[in-house]
Amino acid sequence: MLFIWRGDVLPQLIPRLSILLILSIGIVWFQDVIVKYKLHLNPAPFTLFGIALALFLGFRNSASYDRFWEGRKLWGSLINTTRSLTRQVLTLPLQTRDVKETSLFVNYLIAIAYVTKHQLRGTDPAADMDRLLPASLSIRVKAARYKPHLLIRELGHWIQSARLRGNIDTIAQQSFDSNLNLLSDIVGGCERVASTPIPYSYNVLLHRTVYIYCFFLPLGLVDSLGWMTPVIVVFIAYTYVALEAIADELENPFGLHPNDIALDAICRTLENSLLELDNRPILPDSQSGDTLIIT
């Protein structure tokens, strides 16, 4: 794992650590001048402050990971709820079901997952909407601002129509409606996480504190470590700066960074799961990828 780069924050930290390394070397090189003018510092305060800063960073990472884990639980619930709705539409109708209509219902569920992913990431859903939805509905969804909720409304219309035709009874309708409410809650939960970041002033305070600590650290170690100062300073700085960078990545768990939630793989898992329940061919390996998502 010492040589793994994918998913590691080190590549983006190299320029900052390089600046700190050069600064540390310069401080060691001019150590006599620094001692002469009493610019070096006592290392004891750095030890105490370093412990406090580590606790502060730990709290920051816990807050970010809570957001990541909440997002992952929401997407796991999305998979389970769409599976339940698919099972219901395939088993609850009282009359002979219309294969085309039920397949359309399943496509709506798949489309909700993809359009939610695109909305959270700010990407274009056109290709997935054209693939999964009728042309007229695809145009309306692409023009909507809150796309997942428009599709949930269409599912509600589908259920209402099935009830009016006598294809499902009121008990089945209520069961469908409960799961639609769950879908709305899941999408709303994702929107809450995405639209409510950790307060900016909190991030600025932590960022400034970490970098001020790291840039003053060589002055506290140069007297006791000598030419080992650059090595130790860069190692300590890597720990603190990397923790801050990881927290920044996890704060928005729906992004495109390697450490974010694998929404592409989750959507493919959801689609294959629902297609299999509907007795349709699942996506081939070349499209579905090699990542298995367990809910």
C-alpha atoms as a PDB file:
ATOM      1  CA  MET A   1       0.000   0.000   0.000  1.00  0.00           C
ATOM      2  CA  LEU A   2       3.031   2.296   0.203  1.00  0.00           C
ATOM      3  CA  PHE A   3       2.996   2.550  -3.591  1.00  0.00           C
ATOM      4  CA  ILE A   4      -0.743   2.852  -4.267  1.00  0.00           C
ATOM      5  CA  TRP A   5      -1.695   6.140  -5.934  1.00  0.00           C
ATOM      6  CA  ARG A   6      -5.294   5.591  -7.025  1.00  0.00           C
ATOM      7  CA  GLY A   7      -7.611   6.989  -4.372  1.00  0.00           C
ATOM      8  CA  ASP A   8      -4.694   8.540  -2.475  1.00  0.00           C
ATOM      9  CA  VAL A   9      -4.604  12.284  -1.798  1.00  0.00           C
ATOM     10  CA  LEU A  10      -0.791  12.420  -1.944  1.00  0.00           C
ATOM     11  CA  PRO A  11      -0.559  13.448  -5.645  1.00  0.00           C
ATOM     12  CA  GLN A  12      -2.493  16.649  -4.985  1.00  0.00           C
ATOM     13  CA  LEU A  13      -0.415  17.371  -1.881  1.00  0.00           C
ATOM     14  CA  ILE A  14       3.031  17.064  -3.489  1.00  0.00           C
ATOM     15  CA  PRO A  15       3.287  20.783  -4.485  1.00  0.00           C
ATOM     16  CA  ARG A  16       2.401  21.922  -0.948  1.00  0.00           C
ATOM     17  CA  LEU A  17       4.735  19.421   0.703  1.00  0.00           C
ATOM     18  CA  SER A  18       7.513  20.421  -1.716  1.00  0.00           C
ATOM     19  CA  ILE A  19       7.200  24.068  -0.648  1.00  0.00           C
ATOM     20  CA  LEU A  20       7.384  22.991   2.983  1.00  0.00           C
ATOM     21  CA  LEU A  21      10.413  20.809   2.237  1.00  0.00           C
ATOM     22  CA  ILE A  22      12.245  23.714   0.577  1.00  0.00           C
ATOM     23  CA  LEU A  23      11.361  25.985   3.504  1.00  0.00           C
ATOM     24  CA  SER A  24      12.670  23.428   6.002  1.00  0.00           C
ATOM     25  CA  ILE A  25      15.923  22.971   4.106  1.00  0.00           C
ATOM     26  CA  GLY A  26      16.369  26.749   4.001  1.00  0.00           C
ATOM     27  CA  ILE A  27      15.793  27.019   7.757  1.00  0.00           C
ATOM     28  CA  VAL A  28      18.364  24.290   8.439  1.00  0.00           C
ATOM     29  CA  TRP A  29      20.837  25.900   6.014  1.00  0.00           C
ATOM     30  CA  PHE A  30      20.585  29.240   7.829  1.00  0.00           C
ATOM     31  CA  GLN A  31      20.357  27.652  11.267  1.00  0.00           C
ATOM     32  CA  ASP A  32      23.223  29.718  12.688  1.00  0.00           C
ATOM     33  CA  VAL A  33      21.535  32.957  11.635  1.00  0.00           C
ATOM     34  CA  ILE A  34      18.205  31.787  13.077  1.00  0.00           C
ATOM     35  CA  VAL A  35      19.845  30.892  16.419  1.00  0.00           C
ATOM     36  CA  LYS A  36      21.810  34.143  16.478  1.00  0.00           C
ATOM     37  CA  TYR A  37      18.671  36.250  16.135  1.00  0.00           C
ATOM     38  CA  LYS A  38      16.656  33.878  18.372  1.00  0.00           C
ATOM     39  CA  LEU A  39      14.151  33.028  15.664  1.00  0.00           C
ATOM     40  CA  HIS A  40      13.987  29.368  16.614  1.00  0.00           C
ATOM     41  CA  LEU A  41      11.118  28.234  18.818  1.00  0.00           C
ATOM     42  CA  ASN A  42      10.700  25.914  21.765  1.00  0.00           C
ATOM     43  CA  PRO A  43       9.278  22.560  20.507  1.00  0.00           C
ATOM     44  CA  ALA A  44       7.115  22.016  23.610  1.00  0.00           C
ATOM     45  CA  PRO A  45       4.207  24.242  22.450  1.00  0.00           C
ATOM     46  CA  PHE A  46       4.188  22.415  19.101  1.00  0.00           C
ATOM     47  CA  THR A  47       3.686  19.117  20.912  1.00  0.00           C
ATOM     48  CA  LEU A  48       0.722  20.392  22.906  1.00  0.00           C
ATOM     49  CA  PHE A  49      -0.785  22.260  19.993  1.00  0.00           C
ATOM     50  CA  GLY A  50      -0.236  19.279  17.684  1.00  0.00           C
ATOM     51  CA  ILE A  51      -2.325  17.053  19.940  1.00  0.00           C
ATOM     52  CA  ALA A  52      -5.151  19.612  20.006  1.00  0.00           C
ATOM     53  CA  LEU A  53      -4.959  20.016  16.235  1.00  0.00           C
ATOM     54  CA  ALA A  54      -5.096  16.240  15.739  1.00  0.00           C
ATOM     55  CA  LEU A  55      -8.266  16.066  17.828  1.00  0.00           C
ATOM     56  CA  PHE A  56      -9.729  18.946  15.837  1.00  0.00           C
ATOM     57  CA  LEU A  57      -8.917  17.186  12.565  1.00  0.00           C
ATOM     58  CA  GLY A  58     -10.373  13.955  13.907  1.00  0.00           C
ATOM     59  CA  PHE A  59     -13.663  15.706  14.640  1.00  0.00           C
ATOM     60  CA  ARG A  60     -13.626  17.248  11.137  1.00  0.00           C
ATOM     61  CA  ASN A  61     -13.055  13.849   9.541  1.00  0.00           C
ATOM     62  CA  SER A  62     -15.786  12.262  11.642  1.00  0.00           C
ATOM     63  CA  ALA A  63     -18.253  14.919  10.496  1.00  0.00           C
ATOM     64  CA  SER A  64     -17.274  14.369   6.858  1.00  0.00           C
ATOM     65  CA  TYR A  65     -17.432  10.582   7.150  1.00  0.00           C
ATOM     66  CA  ASP A  66     -20.880  10.811   8.727  1.00  0.00           C
ATOM     67  CA  ARG A  67     -22.024  12.640   5.584  1.00  0.00           C
ATOM     68  CA  PHE A  68     -20.383   9.966   3.411  1.00  0.00           C
ATOM     69  CA  TRP A  69     -21.987   7.131   5.347  1.00  0.00           C
ATOM     70  CA  GLU A  70     -25.402   8.796   5.373  1.00  0.00           C
ATOM     71  CA  GLY A  71     -25.191   9.153   1.578  1.00  0.00           C
ATOM     72  CA  ARG A  72     -24.230   5.483   1.242  1.00  0.00           C
ATOM     73  CA  LYS A  73     -27.148   4.381   3.424  1.00  0.00           C
ATOM     74  CA  LEU A  74     -29.541   6.506   1.385  1.00  0.00           C
ATOM     75  CA  TRP A  75     -28.407   4.870  -1.841  1.00  0.00           C
ATOM     76  CA  GLY A  76     -28.640   1.434  -0.275  1.00  0.00           C
ATOM     77  CA  SER A  77     -32.215   2.262   0.712  1.00  0.00           C
ATOM     78  CA  LEU A  78     -32.883   3.434  -2.847  1.00  0.00           C
ATOM     79  CA  ILE A  79     -31.863   0.029  -4.196  1.00  0.00           C
ATOM     80  CA  ASN A  80     -33.983  -1.835  -1.650  1.00  0.00           C
ATOM     81  CA  THR A  81     -37.057   0.377  -2.165  1.00  0.00           C
ATOM     82  CA  THR A  82     -36.940   0.068  -5.966  1.00  0.00           C
ATOM     83  CA  ARG A  83     -36.627  -3.703  -5.607  1.00  0.00           C
ATOM     84  CA  SER A  84     -39.683  -3.737  -3.369  1.00  0.00           C
ATOM     85  CA  LEU A  85     -41.687  -1.656  -5.862  1.00  0.00           C
ATOM     86  CA  THR A  86     -40.608  -3.937  -8.700  1.00  0.00           C
ATOM     87  CA  ARG A  87     -41.681  -7.006  -6.754  1.00  0.00           C
ATOM     88  CA  GLN A  88     -45.009  -5.372  -5.992  1.00  0.00           C
ATOM     89  CA  VAL A  89     -45.739  -4.419  -9.588  1.00  0.00           C
ATOM     90  CA  LEU A  90     -44.900  -7.955 -10.700  1.00  0.00           C
ATOM     91  CA  THR A  91     -46.890  -9.832  -8.040  1.00  0.00           C
ATOM     92  CA  LEU A  92     -49.677  -7.631  -6.625  1.00  0.00           C
ATOM     93  CA  PRO A  93     -51.905  -6.919  -9.681  1.00  0.00           C
ATOM     94  CA  LEU A  94     -55.216  -8.785  -9.452  1.00  0.00           C
ATOM     95  CA  GLN A  95     -55.669  -9.187 -13.198  1.00  0.00           C
ATOM     96  CA  THR A  96     -53.356 -10.424 -15.917  1.00  0.00           C
ATOM     97  CA  ARG A  97     -50.603  -7.896 -16.047  1.00  0.00           C
ATOM     98  CA  ASP A  98     -49.570  -5.952 -19.120  1.00  0.00           C
ATOM     99  CA  VAL A  99     -45.927  -6.855 -19.685  1.00  0.00           C
ATOM    100  CA  LYS A 100     -45.255  -3.616 -21.562  1.00  0.00           C
ATOM    101  CA  GLU A 101     -46.781  -1.468 -18.829  1.00  0.00           C
ATOM    102  CA  THR A 102     -44.951  -3.176 -15.985  1.00  0.00           C
ATOM    103  CA  SER A 103     -41.668  -2.957 -17.885  1.00  0.00           C
ATOM    104  CA  LEU A 104     -42.305   0.750 -18.296  1.00  0.00           C
ATOM    105  CA  PHE A 105     -42.873   1.037 -14.530  1.00  0.00           C
ATOM    106  CA  VAL A 106     -39.544  -0.719 -13.913  1.00  0.00           C
ATOM    107  CA  ASN A 107     -37.829   1.643 -16.363  1.00  0.00           C
ATOM    108  CA  TYR A 108     -39.195   4.586 -14.382  1.00  0.00           C
ATOM    109  CA  LEU A 109     -37.580   3.181 -11.242  1.00  0.00           C
ATOM    110  CA  ILE A 110     -34.242   2.710 -13.000  1.00  0.00           C
ATOM    111  CA  ALA A 111     -34.469   6.210 -14.431  1.00  0.00           C
ATOM    112  CA  ILE A 112     -35.017   7.673 -10.950  1.00  0.00           C
ATOM    113  CA  ALA A 113     -31.666   6.266  -9.814  1.00  0.00           C
ATOM    114  CA  TYR A 114     -29.794   7.626 -12.828  1.00  0.00           C
ATOM    115  CA  VAL A 115     -31.459  11.037 -12.785  1.00  0.00           C
ATOM    116  CA  THR A 116     -30.781  11.390  -9.047  1.00  0.00           C
ATOM    117  CA  LYS A 117     -27.114  10.600  -9.670  1.00  0.00           C
ATOM    118  CA  HIS A 118     -26.907  13.211 -12.416  1.00  0.00           C
ATOM    119  CA  GLN A 119     -28.717  15.822 -10.331  1.00  0.00           C
ATOM    120  CA  LEU A 120     -26.376  15.325  -7.378  1.00  0.00           C
ATOM    121  CA  ARG A 121     -23.319  15.552  -9.612  1.00  0.00           C
ATOM    122  CA  GLY A 122     -24.595  18.328 -11.862  1.00  0.00           C
ATOM    123  CA  THR A 123     -24.074  16.179 -14.982  1.00  0.00           C
ATOM    124  CA  ASP A 124     -26.245  15.771 -18.078  1.00  0.00           C
ATOM    125  CA  PRO A 125     -28.885  12.996 -17.769  1.00  0.00           C
ATOM    126  CA  ALA A 126     -29.964  13.137 -21.443  1.00  0.00           C
ATOM    127  CA  ALA A 127     -28.376   9.850 -22.563  1.00  0.00           C
ATOM    128  CA  ASP A 128     -29.869   7.800 -19.718  1.00  0.00           C
ATOM    129  CA  MET A 129     -33.290   9.463 -19.986  1.00  0.00           C
ATOM    130  CA  ASP A 130     -33.474   8.834 -23.748  1.00  0.00           C
ATOM    131  CA  ARG A 131     -32.491   5.210 -23.156  1.00  0.00           C
ATOM    132  CA  LEU A 132     -35.002   4.468 -20.400  1.00  0.00           C
ATOM    133  CA  LEU A 133     -38.048   6.701 -20.940  1.00  0.00           C
ATOM    134  CA  PRO A 134     -40.587   7.376 -23.695  1.00  0.00           C
ATOM    135  CA  ALA A 135     -39.548  10.321 -25.864  1.00  0.00           C
ATOM    136  CA  SER A 136     -42.256  12.692 -24.603  1.00  0.00           C
ATOM    137  CA  LEU A 137     -41.503  11.997 -20.942  1.00  0.00           C
ATOM    138  CA  SER A 138     -37.758  12.197 -21.530  1.00  0.00           C
ATOM    139  CA  ILE A 139     -38.156  15.715 -22.922  1.00  0.00           C
ATOM    140  CA  ARG A 140     -40.216  16.797 -19.911  1.00  0.00           C
ATOM    141  CA  VAL A 141     -37.759  15.297 -17.422  1.00  0.00           C
ATOM    142  CA  LYS A 142     -34.765  16.947 -19.078  1.00  0.00           C
ATOM    143  CA  ALA A 143     -36.542  20.310 -18.905  1.00  0.00           C
ATOM    144  CA  ALA A 144     -37.531  19.923 -15.235  1.00  0.00           C
ATOM    145  CA  ARG A 145     -35.539  21.375 -12.360  1.00  0.00           C
ATOM    146  CA  TYR A 146     -36.292  18.628  -9.813  1.00  0.00           C
ATOM    147  CA  LYS A 147     -36.156  15.663 -12.135  1.00  0.00           C
ATOM    148  CA  PRO A 148     -36.396  12.709  -9.689  1.00  0.00           C
ATOM    149  CA  HIS A 149     -39.590  14.070  -8.150  1.00  0.00           C
ATOM    150  CA  LEU A 150     -41.182  14.428 -11.567  1.00  0.00           C
ATOM    151  CA  LEU A 151     -40.548  10.742 -12.197  1.00  0.00           C
ATOM    152  CA  ILE A 152     -41.952   9.825  -8.769  1.00  0.00           C
ATOM    153  CA  ARG A 153     -45.090  11.734  -9.722  1.00  0.00           C
ATOM    154  CA  GLU A 154     -45.299   9.697 -12.940  1.00  0.00           C
ATOM    155  CA  LEU A 155     -45.116   6.523 -10.872  1.00  0.00           C
ATOM    156  CA  GLY A 156     -48.011   7.872  -8.809  1.00  0.00           C
ATOM    157  CA  HIS A 157     -50.030   8.465 -11.981  1.00  0.00           C
ATOM    158  CA  TRP A 158     -49.253   4.916 -13.139  1.00  0.00           C
ATOM    159  CA  ILE A 159     -50.517   3.473  -9.831  1.00  0.00           C
ATOM    160  CA  GLN A 160     -53.610   5.662  -9.876  1.00  0.00           C
ATOM    161  CA  SER A 161     -54.405   4.538 -13.414  1.00  0.00           C
ATOM    162  CA  ALA A 162     -53.970   0.884 -12.429  1.00  0.00           C
ATOM    163  CA  ARG A 163     -56.358   1.390  -9.520  1.00  0.00           C
ATOM    164  CA  LEU A 164     -59.000   3.065 -11.691  1.00  0.00           C
ATOM    165  CA  ARG A 165     -58.804   0.155 -14.142  1.00  0.00           C
ATOM    166  CA  GLY A 166     -59.360  -2.242 -11.255  1.00  0.00           C
ATOM    167  CA  ASN A 167     -55.965  -3.858 -11.798  1.00  0.00           C
ATOM    168  CA  ILE A 168     -54.962  -3.345  -8.157  1.00  0.00           C
ATOM    169  CA  ASP A 169     -57.042  -2.924  -5.021  1.00  0.00           C
ATOM    170  CA  THR A 170     -56.871  -0.123  -2.452  1.00  0.00           C
ATOM    171  CA  ILE A 171     -54.624  -2.121  -0.110  1.00  0.00           C
ATOM    172  CA  ALA A 172     -52.080  -2.631  -2.901  1.00  0.00           C
ATOM    173  CA  GLN A 173     -52.360   1.042  -3.796  1.00  0.00           C
ATOM    174  CA  GLN A 174     -51.551   2.045  -0.223  1.00  0.00           C
ATOM    175  CA  SER A 175     -48.569  -0.303  -0.220  1.00  0.00           C
ATOM    176  CA  PHE A 176     -47.287   1.247  -3.448  1.00  0.00           C
ATOM    177  CA  ASP A 177     -47.832   4.727  -2.046  1.00  0.00           C
ATOM    178  CA  SER A 178     -45.815   3.948   1.094  1.00  0.00           C
ATOM    179  CA  ASN A 179     -42.831   2.972  -1.012  1.00  0.00           C
ATOM    180  CA  LEU A 180     -43.223   6.079  -3.170  1.00  0.00           C
ATOM    181  CA  ASN A 181     -43.055   8.135   0.029  1.00  0.00           C
ATOM    182  CA  LEU A 182     -39.845   6.300   0.891  1.00  0.00           C
ATOM    183  CA  LEU A 183     -38.437   7.191  -2.535  1.00  0.00           C
ATOM    184  CA  SER A 184     -39.237  10.859  -1.933  1.00  0.00           C
ATOM    185  CA  ASP A 185     -37.563  10.708   1.489  1.00  0.00           C
ATOM    186  CA  ILE A 186     -34.438   9.098   0.005  1.00  0.00           C
ATOM    187  CA  VAL A 187     -34.092  11.630  -2.789  1.00  0.00           C
ATOM    188  CA  GLY A 188     -34.770  14.464  -0.334  1.00  0.00           C
ATOM    189  CA  GLY A 189     -32.106  13.085   2.016  1.00  0.00           C
ATOM    190  CA  CYS A 190     -29.542  13.060  -0.798  1.00  0.00           C
ATOM    191  CA  GLU A 191     -30.478  16.623  -1.698  1.00  0.00           C
ATOM    192  CA  ARG A 192     -30.057  17.651   1.945  1.00  0.00           C
ATOM    193  CA  VAL A 193     -26.546  16.208   2.156  1.00  0.00           C
ATOM    194  CA  ALA A 194     -25.515  17.744  -1.173  1.00  0.00           C
ATOM    195  CA  SER A 195     -26.940  21.190  -0.487  1.00  0.00           C
ATOM    196  CA  THR A 196     -25.824  21.608   3.142  1.00  0.00           C
ATOM    197  CA  PRO A 197     -22.017  21.592   3.323  1.00  0.00           C
ATOM    198  CA  ILE A 198     -20.022  21.958   6.515  1.00  0.00           C
ATOM    199  CA  PRO A 199     -19.933  25.693   7.377  1.00  0.00           C
ATOM    200  CA  TYR A 200     -17.325  27.542   5.330  1.00  0.00           C
ATOM    201  CA  SER A 201     -15.889  29.456   8.278  1.00  0.00           C
ATOM    202  CA  TYR A 202     -15.180  26.136  10.017  1.00  0.00           C
ATOM    203  CA  ASN A 203     -13.226  24.908   6.987  1.00  0.00           C
ATOM    204  CA  VAL A 204     -11.274  28.171   6.691  1.00  0.00           C
ATOM    205  CA  LEU A 205     -10.314  28.096  10.367  1.00  0.00           C
ATOM    206  CA  LEU A 206      -9.061  24.522  10.153  1.00  0.00           C
ATOM    207  CA  HIS A 207      -7.208  25.142   6.881  1.00  0.00           C
ATOM    208  CA  ARG A 208      -5.395  28.203   8.230  1.00  0.00           C
ATOM    209  CA  THR A 209      -4.516  26.517  11.498  1.00  0.00           C
ATOM    210  CA  VAL A 210      -3.035  23.442   9.797  1.00  0.00           C
ATOM    211  CA  TYR A 211      -0.860  25.430   7.421  1.00  0.00           C
ATOM    212  CA  ILE A 212       0.338  27.970  10.021  1.00  0.00           C
ATOM    213  CA  TYR A 213       1.296  25.066  12.287  1.00  0.00           C
ATOM    214  CA  CYS A 214       3.158  23.272   9.501  1.00  0.00           C
ATOM    215  CA  PHE A 215       5.083  26.366   8.338  1.00  0.00           C
ATOM    216  CA  PHE A 216       6.212  27.275  11.869  1.00  0.00           C
ATOM    217  CA  LEU A 217       7.098  23.654  12.725  1.00  0.00           C
ATOM    218  CA  PRO A 218      10.637  23.733  11.221  1.00  0.00           C
ATOM    219  CA  LEU A 219      11.546  26.604  13.564  1.00  0.00           C
ATOM    220  CA  GLY A 220      10.606  24.437  16.522  1.00  0.00           C
ATOM    221  CA  LEU A 221      12.538  21.349  15.405  1.00  0.00           C
ATOM    222  CA  VAL A 222      15.656  22.736  13.756  1.00  0.00           C
ATOM    223  CA  ASP A 223      17.569  23.167  17.015  1.00  0.00           C
ATOM    224  CA  SER A 224      17.115  19.531  18.093  1.00  0.00           C
ATOM    225  CA  LEU A 225      16.901  17.629  14.770  1.00  0.00           C
ATOM    226  CA  GLY A 226      19.290  19.473  12.483  1.00  0.00           C
ATOM    227  CA  TRP A 227      19.289  18.071   8.950  1.00  0.00           C
ATOM    228  CA  MET A 228      16.584  15.568   9.871  1.00  0.00           C
ATOM    229  CA  THR A 229      14.194  18.504  10.253  1.00  0.00           C
ATOM    230  CA  PRO A 230      12.969  18.538   6.594  1.00  0.00           C
ATOM    231  CA  VAL A 231      12.178  14.802   6.701  1.00  0.00           C
ATOM    232  CA  ILE A 232      10.290  14.916   9.988  1.00  0.00           C
ATOM    233  CA  VAL A 233       8.470  18.146   9.114  1.00  0.00           C
ATOM    234  CA  VAL A 234       7.268  16.821   5.745  1.00  0.00           C
ATOM    235  CA  PHE A 235       6.112  13.576   7.356  1.00  0.00           C
ATOM    236  CA  ILE A 236       4.158  15.405  10.090  1.00  0.00           C
ATOM    237  CA  ALA A 237       2.741  17.873   7.567  1.00  0.00           C
ATOM    238  CA  TYR A 238       1.659  15.020   5.287  1.00  0.00           C
ATOM    239  CA  THR A 239      -0.365  13.539   8.142  1.00  0.00           C
ATOM    240  CA  TYR A 240      -2.185  16.756   8.970  1.00  0.00           C
ATOM    241  CA  VAL A 241      -2.646  18.067   5.429  1.00  0.00           C
ATOM    242  CA  ALA A 242      -3.759  14.659   4.126  1.00  0.00           C
ATOM    243  CA  LEU A 243      -6.380  14.366   6.866  1.00  0.00           C
ATOM    244  CA  GLU A 244      -7.731  17.760   5.886  1.00  0.00           C
ATOM    245  CA  ALA A 245      -7.755  16.822   2.168  1.00  0.00           C
ATOM    246  CA  ILE A 246      -9.585  13.545   2.868  1.00  0.00           C
ATOM    247  CA  ALA A 247     -12.195  15.412   4.906  1.00  0.00           C
ATOM    248  CA  ASP A 248     -12.699  17.830   2.002  1.00  0.00           C
ATOM    249  CA  GLU A 249     -13.257  14.906  -0.394  1.00  0.00           C
ATOM    250  CA  LEU A 250     -15.704  13.101   1.858  1.00  0.00           C
ATOM    251  CA  GLU A 251     -17.697  16.241   2.625  1.00  0.00           C
ATOM    252  CA  ASN A 252     -19.508  15.890  -0.715  1.00  0.00           C
ATOM    253  CA  PRO A 253     -19.899  12.095  -1.042  1.00  0.00           C
ATOM    254  CA  PHE A 254     -21.681  12.254  -4.412  1.00  0.00           C
ATOM    255  CA  GLY A 255     -18.792  13.681  -6.437  1.00  0.00           C
ATOM    256  CA  LEU A 256     -16.404  12.125  -8.928  1.00  0.00           C
ATOM    257  CA  HIS A 257     -13.346  11.660  -6.720  1.00  0.00           C
ATOM    258  CA  PRO A 258     -12.020   8.090  -6.249  1.00  0.00           C
ATOM    259  CA  ASN A 259     -13.052   8.154  -2.568  1.00  0.00           C
ATOM    260  CA  ASP A 260     -16.617   9.300  -3.213  1.00  0.00           C
ATOM    261  CA  ILE A 261     -19.588   6.928  -3.276  1.00  0.00           C
ATOM    262  CA  ALA A 262     -19.496   4.756  -6.396  1.00  0.00           C
ATOM    263  CA  LEU A 263     -22.797   6.016  -7.789  1.00  0.00           C
ATOM    264  CA  ASP A 264     -22.106   4.662 -11.277  1.00  0.00           C
ATOM    265  CA  ALA A 265     -21.643   1.141  -9.919  1.00  0.00           C
ATOM    266  CA  ILE A 266     -24.666   1.465  -7.623  1.00  0.00           C
ATOM    267  CA  CYS A 267     -26.879   2.560 -10.531  1.00  0.00           C
ATOM    268  CA  ARG A 268     -25.675  -0.380 -12.629  1.00  0.00           C
ATOM    269  CA  THR A 269     -26.318  -2.761  -9.737  1.00  0.00           C
ATOM    270  CA  LEU A 270     -29.813  -1.340  -9.314  1.00  0.00           C
ATOM    271  CA  GLU A 271     -30.572  -1.566 -13.033  1.00  0.00           C
ATOM    272  CA  ASN A 272     -29.350  -5.156 -13.348  1.00  0.00           C
ATOM    273  CA  SER A 273     -31.246  -6.163 -10.222  1.00  0.00           C
ATOM    274  CA  LEU A 274     -34.543  -4.760 -11.490  1.00  0.00           C
ATOM    275  CA  LEU A 275     -34.042  -6.094 -15.010  1.00  0.00           C
ATOM    276  CA  GLU A 276     -33.457  -9.576 -13.608  1.00  0.00           C
ATOM    277  CA  LEU A 277     -36.600  -9.351 -11.477  1.00  0.00           C
ATOM    278  CA  ASP A 278     -38.500  -8.357 -14.622  1.00  0.00           C
ATOM    279  CA  ASN A 279     -37.078 -11.386 -16.506  1.00  0.00           C
ATOM    280  CA  ARG A 280     -35.144  -9.167 -18.894  1.00  0.00           C
ATOM    281  CA  PRO A 281     -31.494  -9.521 -19.940  1.00  0.00           C
ATOM    282  CA  ILE A 282     -29.112  -7.697 -17.628  1.00  0.00           C
ATOM    283  CA  LEU A 283     -26.378  -5.412 -18.880  1.00  0.00           C
ATOM    284  CA  PRO A 284     -23.358  -7.289 -20.269  1.00  0.00           C
ATOM    285  CA  ASP A 285     -20.088  -7.212 -18.356  1.00  0.00           C
ATOM    286  CA  SER A 286     -18.617  -4.630 -20.708  1.00  0.00           C
ATOM    287  CA  GLN A 287     -21.324  -2.181 -19.607  1.00  0.00           C
ATOM    288  CA  SER A 288     -22.004  -3.224 -16.071  1.00  0.00           C
ATOM    289  CA  GLY A 289     -18.375  -3.024 -14.947  1.00  0.00           C
ATOM    290  CA  ASP A 290     -16.626  -5.281 -12.422  1.00  0.00           C
ATOM    291  CA  THR A 291     -17.732  -3.576  -9.202  1.00  0.00           C
ATOM    292  CA  LEU A 292     -20.281  -5.463  -7.138  1.00  0.00           C
ATOM    293  CA  ILE A 293     -22.282  -3.223  -4.836  1.00  0.00           C
ATOM    294  CA  ILE A 294     -23.835  -4.939  -1.838  1.00  0.00           C
ATOM    295  CA  THR A 295     -26.659  -2.941  -0.245  1.00  0.00           C
END
